[in-house]
Amino acid sequence: MLLTSYVDMDCIVPELKVKTKADALKELTHILFEKHKLKGMGPALDQIMARETTESTGIGHGLAVPHARVSGLKNLICAVGRVSDGLDFVAVDRKPVHLIFLICYPPTQQTTYLNFIATIAKLLREKEHLESMLKADDDKTMYTLLEQLSETMVEPEEMYAKLSDSAAELNQVKDAHADLILLARLQLCQEMYETARTGKKSIKERIENIRSLIDPRNLRHYDRLMKGRAPALVPVEGDTCQGCFMKLPSQYAQRVRQETDKIHTCNNCSRFIYIV
């Protein structure tokens, strides 16, 4: 995924002059608003702050990925802030955060958002890549680095074209889990189809191929969800469903973690769920 397709140079802050996590989140959200990426700060900032009280988005290795799902957006947007001295984010590895990617995305791009975070993590957990970003002189250099680094990765269309959706491959996985994999691929392909400027015919063919392999009952439920409350498949973070933002009962959340061979749905919004 080309990160600079979602990050503008003027939304990169080479040095955030902040002392707290809350101040960093406010400043980066304000940048998206100031650059006319967001129509208003309130809803996005409220979600971001609420998410941090549930569980820190400091993913380790000096990185943080605060995020919010914002209605009305057409595409995922991101502001990037660097804190050279480090900031206490209560990260998973308990180490200071140096790079913050604040992400806002529309409800229809849940899978795009997950791919965006996965790309950040894969690229910048490489020590030399992170050090390059921390040593960059200015926003232009940081932007160029993000572009160059992410260009080395396979584009989503190519990556998913290499994943076989054949029954033979999926026979190695228990039926329910195979359907979950297919549902995730279907949702990603639909997001790609909506935003693609070229290659729509091949994406459409792939969508039809994936649909033909999914259990009809799961497919009917998926279609109902996509029609009325997209996205249909969402992650659970900190025991909270990222579709309705309601906390799952602790026993049920534990079952979702343990029963990886089964498909689970949120007991509040009925979306398909999985643990990240």
Protein backbone atom coordinates (compact mmCIF):
# COMPACT_ATOMS: atom_id res chain seq x y z
CA MET A 1 0.00 0.00 0.00
CA LEU A 2 1.41 3.39 -1.00
CA LEU A 3 1.20 5.35 2.25
CA THR A 4 1.54 8.70 0.51
CA SER A 5 -1.74 8.07 -1.29
CA TYR A 6 -3.32 8.85 2.09
CA VAL A 7 -0.77 11.26 3.65
CA ASP A 8 -0.24 14.76 2.24
CA MET A 9 3.08 16.51 2.80
CA ASP A 10 1.36 19.42 4.55
CA CYS A 11 -0.12 16.97 7.07
CA ILE A 12 3.33 15.92 8.30
CA VAL A 13 4.77 17.67 11.38
CA PRO A 14 8.55 17.15 11.64
CA GLU A 15 8.55 18.11 15.32
CA LEU A 16 5.46 18.08 17.51
CA LYS A 17 5.93 20.55 20.37
CA VAL A 18 3.81 18.63 22.87
CA LYS A 19 4.31 17.14 26.32
CA THR A 20 1.34 14.77 26.54
CA LYS A 21 -0.45 12.20 24.42
CA ALA A 22 -3.69 14.20 24.59
CA ASP A 23 -1.97 17.31 23.22
CA ALA A 24 -0.45 15.30 20.37
CA LEU A 25 -3.84 13.86 19.41
CA LYS A 26 -5.47 17.29 19.49
CA GLU A 27 -2.77 18.90 17.36
CA LEU A 28 -2.77 16.20 14.69
CA THR A 29 -6.58 16.17 14.49
CA HIS A 30 -6.53 19.96 14.18
CA ILE A 31 -4.08 19.68 11.27
CA LEU A 32 -6.50 17.47 9.35
CA PHE A 33 -9.25 19.99 10.05
CA GLU A 34 -7.04 22.96 9.15
CA LYS A 35 -6.04 21.35 5.85
CA HIS A 36 -9.73 20.77 5.03
CA LYS A 37 -9.50 17.00 5.36
CA LEU A 38 -12.10 16.97 8.15
CA LYS A 39 -15.26 19.08 8.25
CA GLY A 40 -15.09 19.28 12.03
CA MET A 41 -12.75 18.14 14.80
CA GLY A 42 -15.25 17.13 17.49
CA PRO A 43 -16.56 13.69 16.43
CA ALA A 44 -13.15 12.43 15.27
CA LEU A 45 -11.28 13.68 18.34
CA ASP A 46 -13.93 12.27 20.69
CA GLN A 47 -13.57 8.83 19.11
CA ILE A 48 -9.78 8.98 19.17
CA MET A 49 -9.69 9.98 22.83
CA ALA A 50 -12.26 7.33 23.78
CA ARG A 51 -10.22 4.68 21.96
CA GLU A 52 -7.09 5.63 23.91
CA THR A 53 -8.89 5.26 27.25
CA THR A 54 -9.88 1.71 26.26
CA GLU A 55 -6.45 0.63 25.06
CA SER A 56 -3.38 2.51 23.88
CA THR A 57 -2.70 2.60 20.16
CA GLY A 58 1.04 2.60 20.81
CA ILE A 59 1.93 -0.57 18.87
CA GLY A 60 5.58 -0.71 19.94
CA HIS A 61 8.87 0.10 18.22
CA GLY A 62 8.26 3.83 18.70
CA LEU A 63 5.01 3.85 16.69
CA ALA A 64 1.44 4.89 17.52
CA VAL A 65 -1.62 4.65 15.27
CA PRO A 66 -4.56 6.52 16.90
CA HIS A 67 -7.64 6.26 14.72
CA ALA A 68 -11.31 7.08 14.29
CA ARG A 69 -14.06 5.93 11.95
CA VAL A 70 -15.71 9.09 10.63
CA SER A 71 -18.92 9.24 8.62
CA GLY A 72 -18.89 11.58 5.64
CA LEU A 73 -15.29 10.94 4.61
CA LYS A 74 -14.67 9.68 1.09
CA ASN A 75 -11.24 8.20 1.73
CA LEU A 76 -8.85 7.39 4.54
CA ILE A 77 -6.77 10.39 5.67
CA CYS A 78 -3.75 10.59 7.94
CA ALA A 79 -1.63 13.17 9.76
CA VAL A 80 1.88 12.27 10.87
CA GLY A 81 3.73 13.77 13.82
CA ARG A 82 7.29 13.17 14.98
CA VAL A 83 8.44 13.55 18.59
CA SER A 84 12.22 13.25 18.57
CA ASP A 85 12.58 12.98 22.35
CA GLY A 86 9.77 10.44 22.61
CA LEU A 87 6.33 10.63 24.19
CA ASP A 88 4.75 8.41 26.82
CA PHE A 89 1.89 6.68 24.98
CA VAL A 90 1.56 3.70 27.33
CA ALA A 91 2.64 1.61 24.34
CA VAL A 92 2.53 -2.18 24.39
CA ASP A 93 6.31 -2.37 24.82
CA ARG A 94 6.27 0.47 27.42
CA LYS A 95 8.77 2.43 25.33
CA PRO A 96 8.37 6.06 24.21
CA VAL A 97 6.60 6.80 20.93
CA HIS A 98 8.46 8.82 18.29
CA LEU A 99 6.13 8.63 15.27
CA ILE A 100 2.37 9.12 15.44
CA PHE A 101 0.11 8.30 12.50
CA LEU A 102 -3.33 9.72 13.29
CA ILE A 103 -5.84 8.06 10.98
CA CYS A 104 -9.46 8.87 10.12
CA TYR A 105 -11.36 6.63 7.74
CA PRO A 106 -14.92 6.22 6.41
CA PRO A 107 -17.08 3.29 7.58
CA THR A 108 -16.80 1.78 4.09
CA GLN A 109 -13.00 1.45 4.29
CA GLN A 110 -12.48 -0.70 7.38
CA THR A 111 -10.23 -3.14 5.52
CA THR A 112 -8.28 -0.34 3.86
CA TYR A 113 -7.60 1.09 7.31
CA LEU A 114 -6.32 -2.28 8.56
CA ASN A 115 -4.04 -2.60 5.53
CA PHE A 116 -2.75 0.94 6.10
CA ILE A 117 -1.80 0.13 9.71
CA ALA A 118 -0.26 -3.19 8.66
CA THR A 119 1.88 -1.39 6.07
CA ILE A 120 3.10 1.15 8.64
CA ALA A 121 3.98 -1.60 11.09
CA LYS A 122 5.77 -3.73 8.50
CA LEU A 123 7.81 -0.84 7.10
CA LEU A 124 8.77 1.03 10.25
CA ARG A 125 9.48 -1.91 12.54
CA GLU A 126 12.62 -2.25 10.43
CA LYS A 127 15.19 -0.44 12.56
CA GLU A 128 16.94 1.25 9.65
CA HIS A 129 13.64 2.51 8.20
CA LEU A 130 12.56 3.99 11.52
CA GLU A 131 15.94 5.64 12.03
CA SER A 132 15.72 7.20 8.57
CA MET A 133 12.35 8.73 9.45
CA LEU A 134 13.68 10.02 12.77
CA LYS A 135 16.73 11.60 11.14
CA ALA A 136 14.86 13.20 8.22
CA ASP A 137 15.45 16.96 8.04
CA ASP A 138 11.94 18.15 7.22
CA ASP A 139 8.41 17.23 6.14
CA LYS A 140 9.45 16.92 2.49
CA THR A 141 12.16 14.38 3.34
CA MET A 142 9.79 12.42 5.59
CA TYR A 143 7.17 12.34 2.84
CA THR A 144 9.71 11.17 0.25
CA LEU A 145 10.91 8.43 2.59
CA LEU A 146 7.36 7.18 3.21
CA GLU A 147 6.79 7.12 -0.53
CA GLN A 148 10.03 5.31 -1.34
CA LEU A 149 9.66 2.76 1.45
CA SER A 150 6.06 1.88 0.65
CA GLU A 151 6.81 1.64 -3.08
CA THR A 152 9.02 -1.34 -2.22
CA MET A 153 5.98 -3.24 -0.97
CA VAL A 154 3.49 -5.02 -3.18
CA GLU A 155 0.41 -2.99 -4.06
CA PRO A 156 -2.87 -4.39 -2.61
CA GLU A 157 -4.21 -5.40 -6.04
CA GLU A 158 -1.05 -7.41 -6.76
CA MET A 159 -0.84 -8.85 -3.27
CA TYR A 160 -4.39 -10.12 -3.26
CA ALA A 161 -4.14 -11.37 -6.81
CA LYS A 162 -1.44 -13.74 -5.52
CA LEU A 163 -3.77 -15.16 -2.87
CA SER A 164 -5.66 -18.12 -4.24
CA ASP A 165 -9.34 -18.33 -3.36
CA SER A 166 -9.58 -21.89 -4.62
CA ALA A 167 -11.39 -24.54 -2.67
CA ALA A 168 -8.24 -26.69 -2.80
CA GLU A 169 -6.23 -24.11 -0.85
CA LEU A 170 -9.00 -23.52 1.66
CA ASN A 171 -9.56 -27.22 2.29
CA GLN A 172 -6.55 -26.99 4.58
CA VAL A 173 -8.51 -24.64 6.84
CA LYS A 174 -11.62 -25.54 8.82
CA ASP A 175 -14.79 -24.47 6.98
CA ALA A 176 -15.82 -21.59 9.24
CA HIS A 177 -12.34 -20.08 9.34
CA ALA A 178 -12.05 -20.43 5.56
CA ASP A 179 -15.27 -18.43 5.19
CA LEU A 180 -13.87 -15.73 7.48
CA ILE A 181 -10.79 -15.46 5.26
CA LEU A 182 -13.00 -15.23 2.19
CA LEU A 183 -15.26 -12.61 3.79
CA ALA A 184 -12.22 -10.48 4.60
CA ARG A 185 -11.00 -10.76 1.01
CA LEU A 186 -14.47 -9.99 -0.33
CA GLN A 187 -14.75 -6.86 1.80
CA LEU A 188 -11.31 -5.65 0.73
CA CYS A 189 -12.10 -6.25 -2.94
CA GLN A 190 -15.35 -4.31 -2.63
CA GLU A 191 -13.49 -1.39 -1.04
CA MET A 192 -10.90 -1.57 -3.83
CA TYR A 193 -13.67 -1.62 -6.45
CA GLU A 194 -15.30 1.50 -5.03
CA THR A 195 -12.07 3.52 -5.10
CA ALA A 196 -10.33 2.05 -8.16
CA ARG A 197 -9.84 4.25 -11.21
CA THR A 198 -8.70 1.39 -13.45
CA GLY A 199 -8.96 -2.39 -13.45
CA LYS A 200 -12.54 -2.48 -12.18
CA LYS A 201 -13.46 -5.38 -14.47
CA SER A 202 -10.84 -7.71 -12.99
CA ILE A 203 -11.76 -6.70 -9.42
CA LYS A 204 -15.44 -7.37 -10.20
CA GLU A 205 -14.58 -10.83 -11.54
CA ARG A 206 -12.60 -11.55 -8.38
CA ILE A 207 -15.54 -10.46 -6.24
CA GLU A 208 -17.85 -12.87 -8.06
CA ASN A 209 -15.32 -15.70 -7.70
CA ILE A 210 -14.99 -15.15 -3.95
CA ARG A 211 -18.78 -14.93 -3.49
CA SER A 212 -19.22 -18.30 -5.19
CA LEU A 213 -17.03 -19.97 -2.54
CA ILE A 214 -18.67 -18.59 0.62
CA ASP A 215 -21.32 -20.54 2.52
CA PRO A 216 -24.70 -19.12 1.33
CA ARG A 217 -25.89 -18.44 4.91
CA ASN A 218 -22.79 -16.40 5.72
CA LEU A 219 -23.03 -14.62 2.38
CA ARG A 220 -26.66 -13.64 2.96
CA HIS A 221 -25.78 -12.23 6.38
CA TYR A 222 -22.80 -10.39 4.89
CA ASP A 223 -25.00 -8.84 2.18
CA ARG A 224 -27.60 -7.70 4.71
CA LEU A 225 -24.90 -6.06 6.79
CA MET A 226 -23.28 -4.36 3.81
CA LYS A 227 -26.65 -3.01 2.72
CA GLY A 228 -27.67 -1.64 6.11
CA ARG A 229 -24.62 -1.23 8.34
CA ALA A 230 -21.37 -1.59 6.42
CA PRO A 231 -18.70 -2.72 7.07
CA ALA A 232 -19.82 -6.29 7.63
CA LEU A 233 -16.54 -7.61 9.05
CA VAL A 234 -14.76 -5.66 11.79
CA PRO A 235 -11.95 -6.23 14.29
CA VAL A 236 -12.28 -6.35 18.06
CA GLU A 237 -9.76 -4.14 19.85
CA GLY A 238 -9.51 -4.08 23.60
CA ASP A 239 -12.63 -6.31 23.74
CA THR A 240 -14.53 -3.54 21.91
CA CYS A 241 -16.30 -4.18 18.60
CA GLN A 242 -15.02 -1.65 16.07
CA GLY A 243 -18.37 -1.71 14.29
CA CYS A 244 -20.65 -0.46 17.07
CA PHE A 245 -17.93 0.44 19.64
CA MET A 246 -19.68 -1.61 22.32
CA LYS A 247 -17.59 -3.73 24.68
CA LEU A 248 -18.08 -7.46 24.37
CA PRO A 249 -18.82 -9.47 27.52
CA SER A 250 -15.44 -10.69 28.78
CA GLN A 251 -16.37 -14.38 28.54
CA TYR A 252 -17.55 -13.97 24.96
CA ALA A 253 -14.42 -12.03 23.98
CA GLN A 254 -12.35 -14.87 25.38
CA ARG A 255 -14.34 -17.38 23.32
CA VAL A 256 -13.67 -15.36 20.17
CA ARG A 257 -9.95 -15.51 20.95
CA GLN A 258 -9.93 -19.23 21.64
CA GLU A 259 -12.37 -20.54 19.01
CA THR A 260 -10.42 -19.48 15.95
CA ASP A 261 -12.05 -22.23 13.88
CA LYS A 262 -15.49 -20.61 14.20
CA ILE A 263 -17.16 -17.49 12.86
CA HIS A 264 -18.39 -15.09 15.53
CA THR A 265 -20.67 -12.08 15.39
CA CYS A 266 -21.01 -9.12 17.72
CA ASN A 267 -23.91 -9.70 20.12
CA ASN A 268 -24.87 -6.03 19.79
CA CYS A 269 -24.60 -5.12 16.08
CA SER A 270 -24.44 -8.63 14.53
CA ARG A 271 -21.33 -7.84 12.45
CA PHE A 272 -18.77 -10.57 11.82
CA ILE A 273 -15.90 -10.02 14.24
CA TYR A 274 -12.31 -11.17 14.72
CA ILE A 275 -9.59 -10.36 17.23
CA VAL A 276 -6.59 -8.29 16.10
